[in-house]
Structure formats: structure tokens, C-alpha cells
Amino acid sequence: MKPRRRPLKRKGPDKSEPDWVRESVSSPPPPMSAADLEELVRGGWLGIRDTAAWKDLVRRYGRTEAKRILRLAIYGGHGIQGDKNN
């Protein structure tokens, strides 16, 4: 028969560590503001505007609709559907 393992004792927080190390890492980040999301869309557009995929999207749907599709794709990752008027 194998010897039984003793449960490990949990140590309390190490006071020598800074607060940011001891804080919970599982807390979700704060939600992004609309301005932050628009900046994300603009950055995404600037990054893909010279690609064949973007040019194809613009050719198929037009520039305004292509930007709306991009916005919805980026917002979709954040659980926001964008402006209903677009």
C-alpha cells in the first residue's frame, strides 16, 4: 500500500511582493469605450487597406459597406454590434 500524501498547506500572501503581483489575475479587463473601439477599427482598416482581401470587399460591397462590415467584425469580438444606423 502506498503511503498517504499529506495535503499541502496553503501559504498566505507574501507581503514582500508588490500589490500588483498579489492581485487576482482572473479579473476581466474593463470594457472598451466606443472611442477605443473606433480607434481599433481605424487601426484595423489602416492595416488591411492595401490587401487584396480589402480591395475585393470594397469591389463587392463599396467602401462604406466594407467599413461597416469591418466595424461589425471587430465589434463582434467585443460583444458590441455597433451603431444600429450603419
Protein backbone atom coordinates (compact mmCIF):
# COMPACT_ATOMS: atom_id res chain seq x y z
CA MET A 1 0.00 0.00 0.00
CA LYS A 2 1.27 3.46 -0.92
CA PRO A 3 1.84 5.93 1.85
CA ARG A 4 -0.79 8.64 2.02
CA ARG A 5 0.23 12.13 0.96
CA ARG A 6 -0.37 14.95 3.36
CA PRO A 7 -2.28 17.87 1.87
CA LEU A 8 -0.13 20.87 1.09
CA LYS A 9 -0.53 23.78 3.44
CA ARG A 10 -1.58 26.94 1.70
CA LYS A 11 0.64 29.87 2.31
CA GLY A 12 -0.77 33.32 2.85
CA PRO A 13 0.16 36.17 0.56
CA ASP A 14 3.80 37.07 0.60
CA LYS A 15 3.97 40.60 1.97
CA SER A 16 7.33 41.18 0.30
CA GLU A 17 5.67 41.12 -3.15
CA PRO A 18 4.12 44.30 -4.59
CA ASP A 19 0.32 44.63 -4.62
CA TRP A 20 0.03 44.12 -8.38
CA VAL A 21 1.65 40.67 -8.04
CA ARG A 22 -0.73 39.61 -5.28
CA GLU A 23 -3.87 40.84 -7.04
CA SER A 24 -6.12 38.36 -8.81
CA VAL A 25 -5.18 37.75 -12.43
CA SER A 26 -8.57 36.28 -13.25
CA SER A 27 -10.44 39.58 -13.14
CA PRO A 28 -11.66 40.62 -16.61
CA PRO A 29 -10.37 43.80 -18.21
CA PRO A 30 -12.68 46.83 -18.12
CA PRO A 31 -14.96 47.22 -21.16
CA MET A 32 -13.64 49.32 -24.02
CA SER A 33 -15.23 52.68 -24.70
CA ALA A 34 -16.82 53.48 -28.05
CA ALA A 35 -13.87 55.77 -28.84
CA ASP A 36 -11.42 52.93 -28.10
CA LEU A 37 -13.37 50.59 -30.37
CA GLU A 38 -13.45 53.16 -33.18
CA GLU A 39 -9.68 53.55 -32.84
CA LEU A 40 -9.38 49.77 -33.07
CA VAL A 41 -11.46 49.79 -36.26
CA ARG A 42 -9.35 52.59 -37.74
CA GLY A 43 -6.15 50.71 -36.90
CA GLY A 44 -7.56 47.56 -38.46
CA TRP A 45 -8.56 49.43 -41.58
CA LEU A 46 -5.13 51.09 -41.86
CA GLY A 47 -3.52 47.67 -41.55
CA ILE A 48 -5.58 45.98 -44.26
CA ARG A 49 -6.41 48.76 -46.72
CA ASP A 50 -3.69 47.69 -49.17
CA THR A 51 -4.54 43.97 -49.10
CA ALA A 52 -6.28 42.03 -51.83
CA ALA A 53 -8.99 40.93 -49.39
CA TRP A 54 -9.90 44.54 -48.54
CA LYS A 55 -9.89 45.57 -52.19
CA ASP A 56 -12.15 42.62 -53.01
CA LEU A 57 -14.52 43.56 -50.18
CA VAL A 58 -14.68 47.17 -51.45
CA ARG A 59 -15.22 45.97 -55.02
CA ARG A 60 -18.10 43.73 -53.93
CA TYR A 61 -19.85 45.99 -51.41
CA GLY A 62 -18.48 49.52 -51.80
CA ARG A 63 -16.22 51.40 -49.41
CA THR A 64 -18.90 52.46 -46.90
CA GLU A 65 -20.38 48.98 -46.59
CA ALA A 66 -16.92 47.40 -46.40
CA LYS A 67 -16.02 49.67 -43.46
CA ARG A 68 -19.33 48.74 -41.79
CA ILE A 69 -18.53 45.05 -42.23
CA LEU A 70 -15.08 45.59 -40.73
CA ARG A 71 -16.57 47.51 -37.80
CA LEU A 72 -19.10 44.76 -37.09
CA ALA A 73 -16.40 42.09 -37.33
CA ILE A 74 -14.24 43.91 -34.78
CA TYR A 75 -17.14 44.85 -32.51
CA GLY A 76 -18.41 41.28 -32.68
CA GLY A 77 -15.28 40.19 -30.85
CA HIS A 78 -16.22 42.54 -28.03
CA GLY A 79 -19.90 41.69 -27.87
CA ILE A 80 -20.97 45.04 -29.34
CA GLN A 81 -22.96 45.24 -32.54
CA GLY A 82 -22.02 48.78 -33.45
CA ASP A 83 -24.30 51.64 -34.40
CA LYS A 84 -27.74 50.43 -35.49
CA ASN A 85 -27.91 53.22 -38.09
CA ASN A 86 -24.97 51.80 -40.05
